[in-house]
Structure formats: structure tokens, C-alpha cells
Amino acid sequence: MDKRILLALGGALAAVVLFLVLRPEDEDAAGVATATGTDAAPPTTGTSETTDTSETTTTAPAPEPVRVVVEVRDGGPVGGVRRVAVDRGERVELVVRSDVADRVHVHGVDIFRDVGPGAPARLRFRASTPGVVEVELEDRHLLLAELEVRP
């Protein structure tokens, strides 16, 4: 087999593996509408009657995640440290915008994302452990938010 084809296949495989390994944990299929059964096709000729025998099952859409937005400017969080209460099991979407480069760290969930000027950090996770979860700029040890996860 041609070396270029093998190289392309290896690159595609590596991209798939990286996607599966690095995707956020909370991205699950819960809440996605599903349909089952078959739809009867409309008649193509004549005047015969068609009966629709399809059965559609739809799950309720997942609730929107709790969205927490933090902006860091001139060495600190704008408006002070954000304090947000969420229920255990709720999904959280954290968006951090910063005028300095650093890493956002969500303690307790132990996820990191790079942040910097023009490159906001977006972190999605499920609040799974009751207690207070701190969010900070890791390298600066700057507290940005506290999430109170209620049981």
C-alpha cells in the first residue's frame, strides 16, 4: 500500500482517538430525541387509503446547563468572586474570559482549560460531588468562582 495512504489513515485514526479521549465528560446522549418505527410511504398511484403505523417515542429534552460567565480583567475577576449554587447532577457550563494567559482549573472535577486574550475557556461538566467547588486561574492561584453543589 502507498505510504501516503497509510500516513493519511494513521492521521485520521489519531484524530478520532484524540477526539474520544479529549471530549468533555458530560457530553452524553441523554435528552436526545429518538424516533422508532416506520413511516408508511404515501401512495404513488390510485386513490387507496394509507394508514400511518409509525410509533414515535421522544424523551424530554435535557435541561439547559447552568451557565456561569466570569471575566478576568486587570488582575482580578470583574465583580468579584462568583458564587453560584447548583444541584447535584446538574450540568454546568463555565465560560471564562481573561486579559491574561493562564489555565482555568475546576477543583473537585479536576478539569483544566487554557484561557487568554481573545481565547475564552469553555468548560462543561456535571456537578457530581456535594460541597464547594473552587474555580481558579491555576498559575496565578486566583479564585474566580465557588460553586456550591447541593445534595
N, C-alpha and C. Protein backbone atom coordinates (compact mmCIF):
# COMPACT_ATOMS: atom_id res chain seq x y z
N MET A 1 0.84 -1.17 0.00
CA MET A 1 0.00 0.00 0.00
C MET A 1 0.89 1.24 0.00
N ASP A 2 0.45 2.27 -0.65
CA ASP A 2 1.21 3.51 -0.77
C ASP A 2 1.44 4.14 0.61
N LYS A 3 2.65 4.64 0.87
CA LYS A 3 2.98 5.23 2.17
C LYS A 3 2.10 6.44 2.48
N ARG A 4 1.71 7.20 1.45
CA ARG A 4 0.85 8.38 1.68
C ARG A 4 -0.52 7.96 2.19
N ILE A 5 -1.05 6.89 1.67
CA ILE A 5 -2.36 6.40 2.12
C ILE A 5 -2.27 5.93 3.57
N LEU A 6 -1.22 5.17 3.88
CA LEU A 6 -1.03 4.71 5.25
C LEU A 6 -0.87 5.89 6.21
N LEU A 7 -0.14 6.91 5.81
CA LEU A 7 0.05 8.09 6.64
C LEU A 7 -1.28 8.82 6.85
N ALA A 8 -2.09 8.94 5.80
CA ALA A 8 -3.39 9.60 5.91
C ALA A 8 -4.32 8.81 6.82
N LEU A 9 -4.34 7.48 6.68
CA LEU A 9 -5.17 6.63 7.55
C LEU A 9 -4.72 6.73 9.00
N GLY A 10 -3.41 6.75 9.23
CA GLY A 10 -2.89 6.88 10.59
C GLY A 10 -3.27 8.22 11.20
N GLY A 11 -3.21 9.29 10.41
CA GLY A 11 -3.59 10.61 10.90
C GLY A 11 -5.07 10.67 11.24
N ALA A 12 -5.91 10.08 10.40
CA ALA A 12 -7.36 10.06 10.66
C ALA A 12 -7.66 9.26 11.93
N LEU A 13 -6.99 8.13 12.09
CA LEU A 13 -7.19 7.32 13.29
C LEU A 13 -6.75 8.08 14.53
N ALA A 14 -5.63 8.77 14.46
CA ALA A 14 -5.15 9.55 15.60
C ALA A 14 -6.13 10.66 15.95
N ALA A 15 -6.72 11.32 14.94
CA ALA A 15 -7.70 12.38 15.19
C ALA A 15 -8.93 11.83 15.90
N VAL A 16 -9.40 10.66 15.49
CA VAL A 16 -10.57 10.05 16.13
C VAL A 16 -10.27 9.70 17.57
N VAL A 17 -9.11 9.10 17.82
CA VAL A 17 -8.72 8.72 19.17
C VAL A 17 -8.61 9.96 20.06
N LEU A 18 -7.97 11.02 19.56
CA LEU A 18 -7.84 12.25 20.34
C LEU A 18 -9.20 12.85 20.65
N PHE A 19 -10.11 12.84 19.69
CA PHE A 19 -11.46 13.37 19.93
C PHE A 19 -12.14 12.60 21.05
N LEU A 20 -12.07 11.27 21.00
CA LEU A 20 -12.73 10.45 22.01
C LEU A 20 -12.11 10.63 23.39
N VAL A 21 -10.80 10.82 23.45
CA VAL A 21 -10.11 10.96 24.73
C VAL A 21 -10.31 12.35 25.32
N LEU A 22 -10.33 13.39 24.50
CA LEU A 22 -10.33 14.76 24.99
C LEU A 22 -11.70 15.41 25.08
N ARG A 23 -12.76 14.76 24.65
CA ARG A 23 -14.06 15.40 24.69
C ARG A 23 -14.53 15.52 26.14
N PRO A 24 -15.36 16.53 26.45
CA PRO A 24 -15.84 16.70 27.83
C PRO A 24 -16.64 15.50 28.29
N GLU A 25 -16.56 15.23 29.60
CA GLU A 25 -17.21 14.05 30.17
C GLU A 25 -18.73 14.09 30.09
N ASP A 26 -19.30 15.29 30.19
CA ASP A 26 -20.75 15.37 30.31
C ASP A 26 -21.47 15.31 28.98
N GLU A 27 -20.76 15.21 27.90
CA GLU A 27 -21.40 15.17 26.59
C GLU A 27 -21.95 13.78 26.35
N ASP A 28 -23.17 13.54 26.82
CA ASP A 28 -23.77 12.23 26.63
C ASP A 28 -24.99 12.37 25.75
N ALA A 29 -25.58 11.25 25.44
CA ALA A 29 -26.72 11.26 24.53
C ALA A 29 -28.04 11.47 25.25
N ALA A 30 -27.99 11.72 26.56
CA ALA A 30 -29.23 11.92 27.31
C ALA A 30 -29.96 13.14 26.77
N GLY A 31 -31.25 13.02 26.64
CA GLY A 31 -32.03 14.16 26.20
C GLY A 31 -32.14 14.29 24.69
N VAL A 32 -31.55 13.40 23.95
CA VAL A 32 -31.63 13.47 22.51
C VAL A 32 -32.91 12.77 22.07
N ALA A 33 -33.69 13.46 21.27
CA ALA A 33 -34.95 12.87 20.81
C ALA A 33 -34.65 11.69 19.90
N THR A 34 -35.41 10.61 20.10
CA THR A 34 -35.24 9.44 19.26
C THR A 34 -36.58 9.07 18.65
N ALA A 35 -36.53 8.50 17.51
CA ALA A 35 -37.76 8.05 16.86
C ALA A 35 -37.60 6.59 16.48
N THR A 36 -38.68 5.81 16.65
CA THR A 36 -38.64 4.41 16.27
C THR A 36 -39.83 4.11 15.40
N GLY A 37 -39.80 2.98 14.76
CA GLY A 37 -40.93 2.60 13.89
C GLY A 37 -40.64 2.98 12.45
N THR A 38 -41.66 2.75 11.60
CA THR A 38 -41.51 3.09 10.19
C THR A 38 -42.67 3.97 9.78
N ASP A 39 -42.43 4.82 8.84
CA ASP A 39 -43.49 5.66 8.30
C ASP A 39 -43.96 5.03 7.00
N ALA A 40 -45.25 4.95 6.85
CA ALA A 40 -45.80 4.41 5.61
C ALA A 40 -45.60 5.44 4.51
N ALA A 41 -45.20 4.96 3.34
CA ALA A 41 -44.98 5.86 2.21
C ALA A 41 -46.32 6.27 1.62
N PRO A 42 -46.46 7.50 1.13
CA PRO A 42 -47.71 7.91 0.52
C PRO A 42 -47.93 7.13 -0.77
N PRO A 43 -49.20 6.92 -1.12
CA PRO A 43 -49.47 6.17 -2.35
C PRO A 43 -48.93 6.92 -3.56
N THR A 44 -48.46 6.13 -4.52
CA THR A 44 -47.92 6.76 -5.73
C THR A 44 -48.97 6.84 -6.83
N THR A 45 -49.93 5.94 -6.82
CA THR A 45 -50.98 5.97 -7.84
C THR A 45 -52.31 5.57 -7.21
N GLY A 46 -53.38 5.89 -7.85
CA GLY A 46 -54.71 5.46 -7.40
C GLY A 46 -55.19 6.30 -6.23
N THR A 47 -56.31 5.83 -5.64
CA THR A 47 -56.92 6.56 -4.53
C THR A 47 -56.98 5.72 -3.28
N SER A 48 -56.07 4.75 -3.16
CA SER A 48 -56.11 3.89 -1.98
C SER A 48 -55.75 4.70 -0.73
N GLU A 49 -56.24 4.24 0.41
CA GLU A 49 -56.02 4.92 1.67
C GLU A 49 -54.77 4.35 2.33
N THR A 50 -53.95 5.21 2.92
CA THR A 50 -52.73 4.80 3.58
C THR A 50 -52.89 4.99 5.08
N THR A 51 -52.45 4.01 5.83
CA THR A 51 -52.51 4.10 7.28
C THR A 51 -51.10 4.27 7.81
N ASP A 52 -50.91 5.27 8.66
CA ASP A 52 -49.61 5.52 9.27
C ASP A 52 -49.49 4.66 10.51
N THR A 53 -48.55 3.71 10.50
CA THR A 53 -48.39 2.80 11.63
C THR A 53 -47.15 3.12 12.44
N SER A 54 -46.62 4.32 12.27
CA SER A 54 -45.38 4.65 12.98
C SER A 54 -45.67 4.94 14.44
N GLU A 55 -44.67 4.65 15.24
CA GLU A 55 -44.74 4.95 16.66
C GLU A 55 -43.52 5.79 16.99
N THR A 56 -43.73 6.96 17.52
CA THR A 56 -42.62 7.86 17.82
C THR A 56 -42.49 8.01 19.32
N THR A 57 -41.29 7.79 19.81
CA THR A 57 -41.01 7.96 21.22
C THR A 57 -40.01 9.09 21.36
N THR A 58 -40.34 10.06 22.16
CA THR A 58 -39.46 11.20 22.35
C THR A 58 -39.19 11.39 23.83
N THR A 59 -37.93 11.56 24.17
CA THR A 59 -37.61 11.84 25.56
C THR A 59 -37.63 13.34 25.76
N ALA A 60 -37.89 13.76 26.97
CA ALA A 60 -37.90 15.19 27.26
C ALA A 60 -36.50 15.73 27.06
N PRO A 61 -36.39 16.92 26.50
CA PRO A 61 -35.06 17.47 26.29
C PRO A 61 -34.35 17.71 27.62
N ALA A 62 -33.06 17.50 27.62
CA ALA A 62 -32.28 17.72 28.84
C ALA A 62 -32.35 19.19 29.20
N PRO A 63 -32.43 19.49 30.49
CA PRO A 63 -32.45 20.90 30.89
C PRO A 63 -31.16 21.57 30.47
N GLU A 64 -31.27 22.85 30.21
CA GLU A 64 -30.09 23.63 29.83
C GLU A 64 -29.09 23.62 30.99
N PRO A 65 -27.80 23.61 30.69
CA PRO A 65 -26.83 23.66 31.78
C PRO A 65 -26.88 25.02 32.48
N VAL A 66 -26.47 25.03 33.74
CA VAL A 66 -26.32 26.29 34.47
C VAL A 66 -25.10 26.98 33.87
N ARG A 67 -25.30 28.19 33.36
CA ARG A 67 -24.20 28.90 32.68
C ARG A 67 -23.59 29.92 33.64
N VAL A 68 -22.29 29.82 33.84
CA VAL A 68 -21.55 30.72 34.71
C VAL A 68 -20.51 31.42 33.85
N VAL A 69 -20.57 32.75 33.79
CA VAL A 69 -19.62 33.52 32.99
C VAL A 69 -18.78 34.35 33.94
N VAL A 70 -17.46 34.26 33.78
CA VAL A 70 -16.52 35.02 34.60
C VAL A 70 -15.59 35.77 33.67
N GLU A 71 -15.36 37.04 33.99
CA GLU A 71 -14.41 37.84 33.21
C GLU A 71 -13.29 38.29 34.13
N VAL A 72 -12.06 38.08 33.68
CA VAL A 72 -10.88 38.49 34.44
C VAL A 72 -10.27 39.69 33.72
N ARG A 73 -10.12 40.76 34.48
CA ARG A 73 -9.52 41.97 33.91
C ARG A 73 -8.65 42.64 34.97
N ASP A 74 -7.49 43.12 34.56
CA ASP A 74 -6.57 43.85 35.44
C ASP A 74 -6.26 43.08 36.73
N GLY A 75 -6.04 41.79 36.61
CA GLY A 75 -5.59 41.00 37.75
C GLY A 75 -6.66 40.43 38.65
N GLY A 76 -7.93 40.57 38.28
CA GLY A 76 -8.96 40.02 39.16
C GLY A 76 -10.26 39.77 38.42
N PRO A 77 -11.16 38.99 39.05
CA PRO A 77 -12.46 38.74 38.43
C PRO A 77 -13.34 39.99 38.51
N VAL A 78 -13.90 40.37 37.39
CA VAL A 78 -14.77 41.55 37.33
C VAL A 78 -16.00 41.27 38.18
N GLY A 79 -16.30 42.17 39.13
CA GLY A 79 -17.45 42.00 40.01
C GLY A 79 -17.15 41.09 41.20
N GLY A 80 -15.92 40.64 41.35
CA GLY A 80 -15.55 39.79 42.48
C GLY A 80 -15.75 38.32 42.17
N VAL A 81 -15.52 37.50 43.18
CA VAL A 81 -15.64 36.04 43.05
C VAL A 81 -17.11 35.69 42.87
N ARG A 82 -17.41 34.92 41.81
CA ARG A 82 -18.80 34.49 41.56
C ARG A 82 -19.14 33.34 42.48
N ARG A 83 -20.32 33.40 43.08
CA ARG A 83 -20.82 32.32 43.93
C ARG A 83 -22.14 31.85 43.34
N VAL A 84 -22.18 30.57 42.97
CA VAL A 84 -23.34 30.01 42.29
C VAL A 84 -23.70 28.69 42.97
N ALA A 85 -24.99 28.48 43.23
CA ALA A 85 -25.46 27.22 43.81
C ALA A 85 -26.09 26.39 42.70
N VAL A 86 -25.73 25.11 42.66
CA VAL A 86 -26.29 24.17 41.70
C VAL A 86 -26.66 22.90 42.45
N ASP A 87 -27.59 22.16 41.89
CA ASP A 87 -27.97 20.88 42.48
C ASP A 87 -27.05 19.78 41.97
N ARG A 88 -26.82 18.80 42.82
CA ARG A 88 -26.00 17.65 42.42
C ARG A 88 -26.61 17.02 41.17
N GLY A 89 -25.78 16.72 40.20
CA GLY A 89 -26.22 16.10 38.96
C GLY A 89 -26.50 17.11 37.85
N GLU A 90 -26.61 18.40 38.20
CA GLU A 90 -26.85 19.41 37.15
C GLU A 90 -25.61 19.58 36.30
N ARG A 91 -25.88 19.92 35.05
CA ARG A 91 -24.78 20.23 34.14
C ARG A 91 -24.42 21.70 34.29
N VAL A 92 -23.14 21.99 34.19
CA VAL A 92 -22.63 23.35 34.33
C VAL A 92 -21.81 23.68 33.10
N GLU A 93 -22.02 24.88 32.58
CA GLU A 93 -21.17 25.40 31.51
C GLU A 93 -20.49 26.64 32.06
N LEU A 94 -19.18 26.58 32.16
CA LEU A 94 -18.38 27.67 32.71
C LEU A 94 -17.64 28.33 31.56
N VAL A 95 -17.81 29.65 31.42
CA VAL A 95 -17.11 30.41 30.39
C VAL A 95 -16.26 31.45 31.09
N VAL A 96 -14.95 31.41 30.83
CA VAL A 96 -14.02 32.36 31.44
C VAL A 96 -13.33 33.14 30.33
N ARG A 97 -13.43 34.46 30.43
CA ARG A 97 -12.71 35.36 29.52
C ARG A 97 -11.65 36.08 30.35
N SER A 98 -10.45 36.21 29.80
CA SER A 98 -9.36 36.78 30.58
C SER A 98 -8.47 37.64 29.70
N ASP A 99 -7.93 38.70 30.31
CA ASP A 99 -6.98 39.54 29.59
C ASP A 99 -5.55 39.06 29.81
N VAL A 100 -5.37 37.95 30.52
CA VAL A 100 -4.06 37.33 30.72
C VAL A 100 -4.14 35.85 30.38
N ALA A 101 -3.02 35.30 29.96
CA ALA A 101 -2.97 33.87 29.63
C ALA A 101 -2.75 33.06 30.90
N ASP A 102 -3.48 31.97 31.04
CA ASP A 102 -3.37 31.10 32.21
C ASP A 102 -4.16 29.82 31.91
N ARG A 103 -4.37 29.01 32.93
CA ARG A 103 -5.21 27.83 32.82
C ARG A 103 -6.32 27.93 33.85
N VAL A 104 -7.55 27.65 33.42
CA VAL A 104 -8.68 27.60 34.34
C VAL A 104 -8.73 26.20 34.90
N HIS A 105 -8.85 26.09 36.23
CA HIS A 105 -8.91 24.78 36.88
C HIS A 105 -10.18 24.71 37.72
N VAL A 106 -10.98 23.68 37.47
CA VAL A 106 -12.16 23.42 38.29
C VAL A 106 -11.77 22.31 39.25
N HIS A 107 -11.61 22.67 40.54
CA HIS A 107 -11.25 21.70 41.57
C HIS A 107 -12.43 20.76 41.81
N GLY A 108 -12.15 19.59 42.28
CA GLY A 108 -13.21 18.62 42.55
C GLY A 108 -13.62 17.86 41.30
N VAL A 109 -13.69 18.55 40.18
CA VAL A 109 -13.98 17.91 38.91
C VAL A 109 -12.65 17.64 38.21
N ASP A 110 -11.64 18.45 38.59
CA ASP A 110 -10.27 18.33 38.11
C ASP A 110 -10.15 18.39 36.60
N ILE A 111 -10.72 19.46 36.03
CA ILE A 111 -10.53 19.71 34.61
C ILE A 111 -9.84 21.06 34.44
N PHE A 112 -9.07 21.17 33.36
CA PHE A 112 -8.30 22.37 33.05
C PHE A 112 -8.62 22.81 31.63
N ARG A 113 -8.57 24.11 31.38
CA ARG A 113 -8.66 24.66 30.02
C ARG A 113 -7.79 25.91 29.97
N ASP A 114 -7.09 26.07 28.86
CA ASP A 114 -6.30 27.29 28.65
C ASP A 114 -7.23 28.45 28.37
N VAL A 115 -6.81 29.65 28.82
CA VAL A 115 -7.56 30.87 28.60
C VAL A 115 -6.56 31.97 28.30
N GLY A 116 -6.98 32.97 27.56
CA GLY A 116 -6.11 34.10 27.26
C GLY A 116 -6.87 35.16 26.50
N PRO A 117 -6.22 36.27 26.23
CA PRO A 117 -6.88 37.34 25.49
C PRO A 117 -7.41 36.83 24.15
N GLY A 118 -8.69 37.00 23.91
CA GLY A 118 -9.30 36.56 22.66
C GLY A 118 -9.53 35.06 22.58
N ALA A 119 -9.23 34.32 23.64
CA ALA A 119 -9.40 32.86 23.64
C ALA A 119 -10.07 32.43 24.93
N PRO A 120 -11.40 32.59 25.02
CA PRO A 120 -12.09 32.21 26.25
C PRO A 120 -12.01 30.70 26.50
N ALA A 121 -12.09 30.33 27.77
CA ALA A 121 -12.12 28.92 28.15
C ALA A 121 -13.57 28.52 28.35
N ARG A 122 -13.97 27.39 27.78
CA ARG A 122 -15.32 26.85 27.96
C ARG A 122 -15.17 25.47 28.57
N LEU A 123 -15.76 25.30 29.73
CA LEU A 123 -15.68 24.03 30.45
C LEU A 123 -17.09 23.55 30.71
N ARG A 124 -17.37 22.32 30.35
CA ARG A 124 -18.68 21.72 30.59
C ARG A 124 -18.48 20.47 31.43
N PHE A 125 -19.28 20.38 32.48
CA PHE A 125 -19.15 19.25 33.38
C PHE A 125 -20.44 19.07 34.15
N ARG A 126 -20.55 17.94 34.81
CA ARG A 126 -21.70 17.65 35.66
C ARG A 126 -21.26 17.82 37.11
N ALA A 127 -22.04 18.57 37.89
CA ALA A 127 -21.76 18.78 39.31
C ALA A 127 -22.14 17.51 40.05
N SER A 128 -21.16 16.70 40.39
CA SER A 128 -21.48 15.37 40.91
C SER A 128 -21.16 15.17 42.39
N THR A 129 -20.30 15.99 42.96
CA THR A 129 -19.93 15.81 44.36
C THR A 129 -20.42 17.00 45.18
N PRO A 130 -21.26 16.75 46.19
CA PRO A 130 -21.75 17.86 47.02
C PRO A 130 -20.60 18.56 47.74
N GLY A 131 -20.77 19.85 47.94
CA GLY A 131 -19.75 20.66 48.61
C GLY A 131 -19.45 21.89 47.78
N VAL A 132 -18.36 22.57 48.12
CA VAL A 132 -17.97 23.78 47.41
C VAL A 132 -16.84 23.43 46.44
N VAL A 133 -17.05 23.77 45.18
CA VAL A 133 -16.06 23.53 44.13
C VAL A 133 -15.46 24.87 43.75
N GLU A 134 -14.15 25.00 43.87
CA GLU A 134 -13.49 26.25 43.54
C GLU A 134 -13.03 26.23 42.09
N VAL A 135 -13.13 27.41 41.47
CA VAL A 135 -12.65 27.60 40.10
C VAL A 135 -11.59 28.68 40.18
N GLU A 136 -10.41 28.41 39.63
CA GLU A 136 -9.34 29.39 39.74
C GLU A 136 -8.50 29.46 38.48
N LEU A 137 -7.77 30.58 38.34
CA LEU A 137 -6.69 30.65 37.37
C LEU A 137 -5.53 29.94 38.03
N GLU A 138 -5.17 28.81 37.53
CA GLU A 138 -4.25 27.89 38.18
C GLU A 138 -2.88 28.50 38.47
N ASP A 139 -2.23 29.06 37.47
CA ASP A 139 -0.86 29.55 37.66
C ASP A 139 -0.80 30.77 38.58
N ARG A 140 -1.84 31.57 38.60
CA ARG A 140 -1.88 32.77 39.45
C ARG A 140 -2.51 32.51 40.81
N HIS A 141 -3.08 31.31 41.00
CA HIS A 141 -3.79 30.97 42.24
C HIS A 141 -4.86 32.03 42.54
N LEU A 142 -5.57 32.44 41.50
CA LEU A 142 -6.59 33.48 41.61
C LEU A 142 -7.97 32.83 41.62
N LEU A 143 -8.71 32.95 42.72
CA LEU A 143 -10.04 32.40 42.84
C LEU A 143 -11.00 33.20 41.98
N LEU A 144 -11.73 32.49 41.10
CA LEU A 144 -12.69 33.13 40.19
C LEU A 144 -14.13 32.89 40.62
N ALA A 145 -14.41 31.66 41.07
CA ALA A 145 -15.79 31.30 41.39
C ALA A 145 -15.81 30.17 42.40
N GLU A 146 -16.93 30.10 43.12
CA GLU A 146 -17.21 28.99 44.01
C GLU A 146 -18.58 28.44 43.66
N LEU A 147 -18.62 27.16 43.33
CA LEU A 147 -19.88 26.51 43.00
C LEU A 147 -20.30 25.67 44.20
N GLU A 148 -21.43 25.99 44.79
CA GLU A 148 -21.95 25.19 45.89
C GLU A 148 -22.83 24.10 45.28
N VAL A 149 -22.37 22.86 45.38
CA VAL A 149 -23.11 21.73 44.84
C VAL A 149 -23.97 21.18 45.98
N ARG A 150 -25.29 21.37 45.85
CA ARG A 150 -26.22 20.93 46.89
C ARG A 150 -26.58 19.46 46.67
N PRO A 151 -26.74 18.69 47.78
CA PRO A 151 -27.06 17.26 47.66
C PRO A 151 -28.43 17.02 47.04
